[in-house]
């Protein structure tokens, strides 16, 4: 990092979907400049490559979004797995109402939260005691324009 280089490698036999977030990097500017001219993805240290399940090579790139780009993202809850509480964060392109629904594998709704979301970063803290279930659960964020679903794992905690 002191040399301005970050390298990483990830693999899984289960694969991912286009909505899965593998990494989130947060950079803090030390001066004026263009982000698109500062960041680059190359294979100098670690090969910049990705493959489908059948071995077909995929395109790997960094996309720098501008201030006018509409961004919607539902992030993976943290921590995951969780017991007592977890944070579900999301990014909205403009101020808008959102609905967060937590449900079990059968589709039974365990928790419904209405959120007056703001442009940019938002978060909801879920208490484990509010969810009358454990194991694999799903959470879905719905707005008028967007929807996204992720899964999480709730473990039983002793009291």
Foldseek 3Di string as FASTA:
>chain_A
DVVLDDDDDDDDLVDDDPQADDDDDDDDDPDDDDPVVRDWDDPPPNHQWDADNVGHIDDGTDDDDDLQDFDKHWYDWPPFPEEFKIKTKIAGQAFFKKKKWKAAPVRHTQDIDIDRDGHTMDMDMDGNVSGPDFAKMKMWMDTPVDIDMDIGGYDYDDD
